[in-house]
N, C-alpha and C. Protein backbone atom coordinates (compact mmCIF):
# COMPACT_ATOMS: atom_id res chain seq x y z
N UNK A 1 12.37 35.76 3.22
CA UNK A 1 11.06 35.56 2.62
C UNK A 1 10.76 34.06 2.59
N UNK A 2 9.61 33.68 3.09
CA UNK A 2 9.26 32.26 3.12
C UNK A 2 8.63 31.85 1.80
N UNK A 3 8.85 30.59 1.45
CA UNK A 3 8.32 30.04 0.22
C UNK A 3 6.87 29.61 0.45
N UNK A 4 5.95 30.03 -0.42
CA UNK A 4 4.55 29.66 -0.28
C UNK A 4 4.29 28.40 -1.10
N UNK A 5 3.70 27.42 -0.45
CA UNK A 5 3.35 26.19 -1.14
C UNK A 5 1.89 26.24 -1.55
N UNK A 6 1.55 25.61 -2.68
CA UNK A 6 0.16 25.62 -3.13
C UNK A 6 -0.74 24.86 -2.16
N UNK A 7 -1.99 25.24 -2.12
CA UNK A 7 -2.96 24.59 -1.23
C UNK A 7 -4.11 24.05 -2.04
N UNK A 8 -4.68 22.97 -1.56
CA UNK A 8 -5.87 22.40 -2.16
C UNK A 8 -7.07 22.75 -1.28
N UNK A 9 -8.26 22.75 -1.88
CA UNK A 9 -9.47 22.95 -1.10
C UNK A 9 -9.70 21.72 -0.21
N UNK A 10 -10.61 21.83 0.73
CA UNK A 10 -10.93 20.68 1.58
C UNK A 10 -11.43 19.50 0.76
N UNK A 11 -12.29 19.76 -0.23
CA UNK A 11 -12.79 18.68 -1.08
C UNK A 11 -11.68 18.03 -1.88
N UNK A 12 -10.78 18.84 -2.43
CA UNK A 12 -9.66 18.29 -3.19
C UNK A 12 -8.73 17.47 -2.31
N UNK A 13 -8.49 17.94 -1.09
CA UNK A 13 -7.63 17.22 -0.16
C UNK A 13 -8.23 15.87 0.21
N UNK A 14 -9.52 15.85 0.47
CA UNK A 14 -10.21 14.59 0.80
C UNK A 14 -10.16 13.63 -0.37
N UNK A 15 -10.44 14.14 -1.58
CA UNK A 15 -10.40 13.31 -2.79
C UNK A 15 -9.00 12.76 -3.01
N UNK A 16 -7.99 13.61 -2.84
CA UNK A 16 -6.60 13.17 -3.01
C UNK A 16 -6.25 12.05 -2.04
N UNK A 17 -6.66 12.20 -0.78
CA UNK A 17 -6.40 11.15 0.20
C UNK A 17 -7.02 9.83 -0.19
N UNK A 18 -8.25 9.87 -0.68
CA UNK A 18 -8.93 8.65 -1.13
C UNK A 18 -8.24 8.03 -2.33
N UNK A 19 -7.84 8.85 -3.29
CA UNK A 19 -7.16 8.34 -4.49
C UNK A 19 -5.81 7.73 -4.13
N UNK A 20 -5.08 8.35 -3.22
CA UNK A 20 -3.79 7.79 -2.79
C UNK A 20 -4.02 6.46 -2.08
N UNK A 21 -5.02 6.40 -1.21
CA UNK A 21 -5.31 5.15 -0.50
C UNK A 21 -5.59 4.02 -1.49
N UNK A 22 -6.45 4.28 -2.48
CA UNK A 22 -6.79 3.26 -3.47
C UNK A 22 -5.57 2.87 -4.28
N UNK A 23 -4.76 3.85 -4.69
CA UNK A 23 -3.58 3.54 -5.51
C UNK A 23 -2.54 2.75 -4.73
N UNK A 24 -2.57 2.82 -3.40
CA UNK A 24 -1.64 2.07 -2.55
C UNK A 24 -2.25 0.74 -2.07
N UNK A 25 -3.41 0.39 -2.61
CA UNK A 25 -4.03 -0.88 -2.25
C UNK A 25 -4.78 -0.87 -0.94
N UNK A 26 -5.09 0.29 -0.43
CA UNK A 26 -5.85 0.41 0.81
C UNK A 26 -7.28 0.83 0.49
N UNK A 27 -8.18 0.61 1.40
CA UNK A 27 -9.57 1.02 1.18
C UNK A 27 -9.89 2.22 2.06
N UNK A 28 -10.28 3.33 1.44
CA UNK A 28 -10.67 4.50 2.23
C UNK A 28 -12.00 4.25 2.93
N UNK A 29 -12.42 5.17 3.78
CA UNK A 29 -13.72 5.07 4.44
C UNK A 29 -14.81 4.82 3.39
N UNK A 30 -15.84 4.10 3.79
CA UNK A 30 -16.92 3.74 2.86
C UNK A 30 -17.53 4.96 2.19
N UNK A 31 -17.79 6.04 2.94
CA UNK A 31 -18.42 7.23 2.36
C UNK A 31 -17.53 7.85 1.29
N UNK A 32 -16.21 7.81 1.51
CA UNK A 32 -15.28 8.37 0.53
C UNK A 32 -15.16 7.46 -0.68
N UNK A 33 -15.07 6.15 -0.45
CA UNK A 33 -15.00 5.20 -1.56
C UNK A 33 -16.24 5.30 -2.43
N UNK A 34 -17.43 5.39 -1.81
CA UNK A 34 -18.66 5.53 -2.57
C UNK A 34 -18.67 6.80 -3.40
N UNK A 35 -18.16 7.89 -2.84
CA UNK A 35 -18.08 9.15 -3.58
C UNK A 35 -17.12 9.03 -4.76
N UNK A 36 -15.99 8.36 -4.57
CA UNK A 36 -15.02 8.17 -5.66
C UNK A 36 -15.61 7.28 -6.76
N UNK A 37 -16.38 6.27 -6.37
CA UNK A 37 -17.02 5.39 -7.36
C UNK A 37 -18.09 6.17 -8.12
N UNK A 38 -18.92 6.96 -7.40
CA UNK A 38 -19.95 7.78 -8.05
C UNK A 38 -19.35 8.77 -9.04
N UNK A 39 -18.19 9.31 -8.70
CA UNK A 39 -17.52 10.29 -9.57
C UNK A 39 -16.70 9.62 -10.67
N UNK A 40 -16.73 8.28 -10.69
CA UNK A 40 -16.04 7.47 -11.70
C UNK A 40 -14.52 7.60 -11.63
N UNK A 41 -13.98 7.88 -10.43
CA UNK A 41 -12.54 7.89 -10.22
C UNK A 41 -12.03 6.50 -9.84
N UNK A 42 -12.92 5.68 -9.30
CA UNK A 42 -12.58 4.33 -8.85
C UNK A 42 -13.63 3.37 -9.41
N UNK A 43 -13.17 2.18 -9.85
CA UNK A 43 -14.10 1.17 -10.35
C UNK A 43 -14.73 0.43 -9.18
N UNK A 44 -15.73 -0.38 -9.47
CA UNK A 44 -16.38 -1.17 -8.43
C UNK A 44 -15.42 -2.15 -7.76
N UNK A 45 -14.33 -2.49 -8.44
CA UNK A 45 -13.34 -3.41 -7.88
C UNK A 45 -12.27 -2.67 -7.08
N UNK A 46 -12.52 -1.42 -6.77
CA UNK A 46 -11.59 -0.59 -5.99
C UNK A 46 -10.24 -0.40 -6.66
N UNK A 47 -10.27 -0.19 -7.97
CA UNK A 47 -9.08 0.17 -8.74
C UNK A 47 -9.30 1.55 -9.34
N UNK A 48 -8.22 2.31 -9.49
CA UNK A 48 -8.35 3.62 -10.13
C UNK A 48 -8.73 3.45 -11.59
N UNK A 49 -9.68 4.24 -12.04
CA UNK A 49 -10.02 4.28 -13.46
C UNK A 49 -9.06 5.24 -14.15
N UNK A 50 -9.14 5.34 -15.45
CA UNK A 50 -8.31 6.31 -16.16
C UNK A 50 -8.61 7.72 -15.68
N UNK A 51 -9.89 8.01 -15.47
CA UNK A 51 -10.29 9.32 -14.95
C UNK A 51 -9.69 9.54 -13.56
N UNK A 52 -9.66 8.50 -12.74
CA UNK A 52 -9.08 8.59 -11.40
C UNK A 52 -7.58 8.83 -11.44
N UNK A 53 -6.88 8.15 -12.36
CA UNK A 53 -5.44 8.36 -12.51
C UNK A 53 -5.14 9.78 -12.98
N UNK A 54 -5.98 10.28 -13.89
CA UNK A 54 -5.80 11.66 -14.36
C UNK A 54 -6.03 12.67 -13.23
N UNK A 55 -7.05 12.43 -12.41
CA UNK A 55 -7.34 13.33 -11.29
C UNK A 55 -6.23 13.26 -10.24
N UNK A 56 -5.72 12.07 -9.97
CA UNK A 56 -4.61 11.92 -9.03
C UNK A 56 -3.41 12.71 -9.53
N UNK A 57 -3.10 12.55 -10.81
CA UNK A 57 -1.97 13.28 -11.39
C UNK A 57 -2.17 14.79 -11.36
N UNK A 58 -3.40 15.23 -11.63
CA UNK A 58 -3.70 16.67 -11.62
C UNK A 58 -3.53 17.27 -10.22
N UNK A 59 -4.09 16.60 -9.22
CA UNK A 59 -3.99 17.11 -7.85
C UNK A 59 -2.54 17.08 -7.35
N UNK A 60 -1.82 16.03 -7.69
CA UNK A 60 -0.43 15.93 -7.28
C UNK A 60 0.41 17.02 -7.95
N UNK A 61 0.12 17.26 -9.22
CA UNK A 61 0.86 18.29 -9.94
C UNK A 61 0.63 19.67 -9.32
N UNK A 62 -0.61 19.92 -8.87
CA UNK A 62 -0.90 21.18 -8.20
C UNK A 62 -0.04 21.37 -6.95
N UNK A 63 0.30 20.25 -6.30
CA UNK A 63 1.11 20.30 -5.09
C UNK A 63 2.61 20.18 -5.37
N UNK A 64 2.98 19.95 -6.62
CA UNK A 64 4.39 19.81 -6.96
C UNK A 64 4.94 18.43 -6.69
N UNK A 65 4.07 17.41 -6.69
CA UNK A 65 4.48 16.03 -6.46
C UNK A 65 4.32 15.28 -7.77
N UNK A 66 5.33 14.51 -8.14
CA UNK A 66 5.26 13.79 -9.41
C UNK A 66 4.67 12.40 -9.21
N UNK A 67 3.93 11.95 -10.21
CA UNK A 67 3.37 10.60 -10.21
C UNK A 67 3.96 9.88 -11.42
N UNK A 68 4.71 8.84 -11.16
CA UNK A 68 5.23 8.00 -12.23
C UNK A 68 4.44 6.71 -12.26
N UNK A 69 4.66 5.92 -13.29
CA UNK A 69 3.96 4.65 -13.40
C UNK A 69 4.97 3.55 -13.62
N UNK A 70 4.89 2.52 -12.80
CA UNK A 70 5.76 1.37 -12.88
C UNK A 70 4.86 0.16 -13.08
N UNK A 71 4.97 -0.48 -14.25
CA UNK A 71 4.09 -1.61 -14.58
C UNK A 71 2.62 -1.23 -14.47
N UNK A 72 2.27 -0.06 -14.99
CA UNK A 72 0.90 0.47 -14.99
C UNK A 72 0.35 0.75 -13.60
N UNK A 73 1.19 0.76 -12.59
CA UNK A 73 0.78 1.11 -11.23
C UNK A 73 1.37 2.46 -10.87
N UNK A 74 0.56 3.36 -10.28
CA UNK A 74 1.10 4.67 -9.90
C UNK A 74 2.19 4.53 -8.84
N UNK A 75 3.24 5.30 -9.00
CA UNK A 75 4.32 5.37 -8.02
C UNK A 75 4.45 6.84 -7.65
N UNK A 76 4.19 7.16 -6.41
CA UNK A 76 4.11 8.55 -5.97
C UNK A 76 5.39 8.93 -5.25
N UNK A 77 6.01 10.02 -5.70
CA UNK A 77 7.21 10.51 -5.05
C UNK A 77 7.16 12.02 -4.97
N UNK A 78 7.72 12.56 -3.91
CA UNK A 78 7.80 14.00 -3.76
C UNK A 78 8.85 14.55 -4.71
N UNK A 79 8.71 15.82 -5.06
CA UNK A 79 9.73 16.46 -5.87
C UNK A 79 10.98 16.64 -5.02
N UNK A 80 12.09 16.98 -5.63
CA UNK A 80 13.36 17.07 -4.90
C UNK A 80 13.30 18.10 -3.77
N UNK A 81 12.49 19.16 -3.93
CA UNK A 81 12.35 20.16 -2.86
C UNK A 81 11.65 19.58 -1.62
N UNK A 82 10.77 18.62 -1.84
CA UNK A 82 9.97 18.08 -0.75
C UNK A 82 10.51 16.76 -0.21
N UNK A 83 11.46 16.15 -0.91
CA UNK A 83 11.93 14.83 -0.56
C UNK A 83 12.88 14.87 0.63
N UNK A 84 12.64 14.00 1.58
CA UNK A 84 13.55 13.86 2.71
C UNK A 84 14.49 12.68 2.43
N UNK A 85 15.60 12.58 3.11
CA UNK A 85 16.55 11.49 2.85
C UNK A 85 15.95 10.10 3.03
N UNK A 86 14.96 9.96 3.89
CA UNK A 86 14.37 8.63 4.13
C UNK A 86 13.06 8.44 3.39
N UNK A 87 12.82 9.21 2.33
CA UNK A 87 11.59 9.13 1.56
C UNK A 87 11.48 7.77 0.87
N UNK A 88 10.30 7.20 0.92
CA UNK A 88 10.04 5.96 0.19
C UNK A 88 8.83 6.17 -0.69
N UNK A 89 8.81 5.48 -1.82
CA UNK A 89 7.69 5.58 -2.75
C UNK A 89 6.52 4.78 -2.22
N UNK A 90 5.31 5.20 -2.58
CA UNK A 90 4.09 4.48 -2.21
C UNK A 90 3.85 3.42 -3.27
N UNK A 91 4.07 2.18 -2.94
CA UNK A 91 3.82 1.09 -3.87
C UNK A 91 3.00 0.03 -3.18
N UNK A 92 2.35 -0.81 -3.96
CA UNK A 92 1.52 -1.87 -3.38
C UNK A 92 2.35 -2.96 -2.81
């Protein structure tokens, strides 16, 4: 019997990608960044807002990925089931 992993909708997947990009210090496509700013997930300075950090955590939790915080910066790591031996955390 194969293990079923949770899935996100297309909108949730796109939003998650944008939030991860911003949390890693990268800039997503302009249309996505503008949508994240309009939704108040990202500030005008391209930093995650509290609402954005909560949404990132919620979407990651749905996928079984933990989000820790190191010096108030998100640190994203896969759960032990998803982690490969060469896994590295997403940090700035």
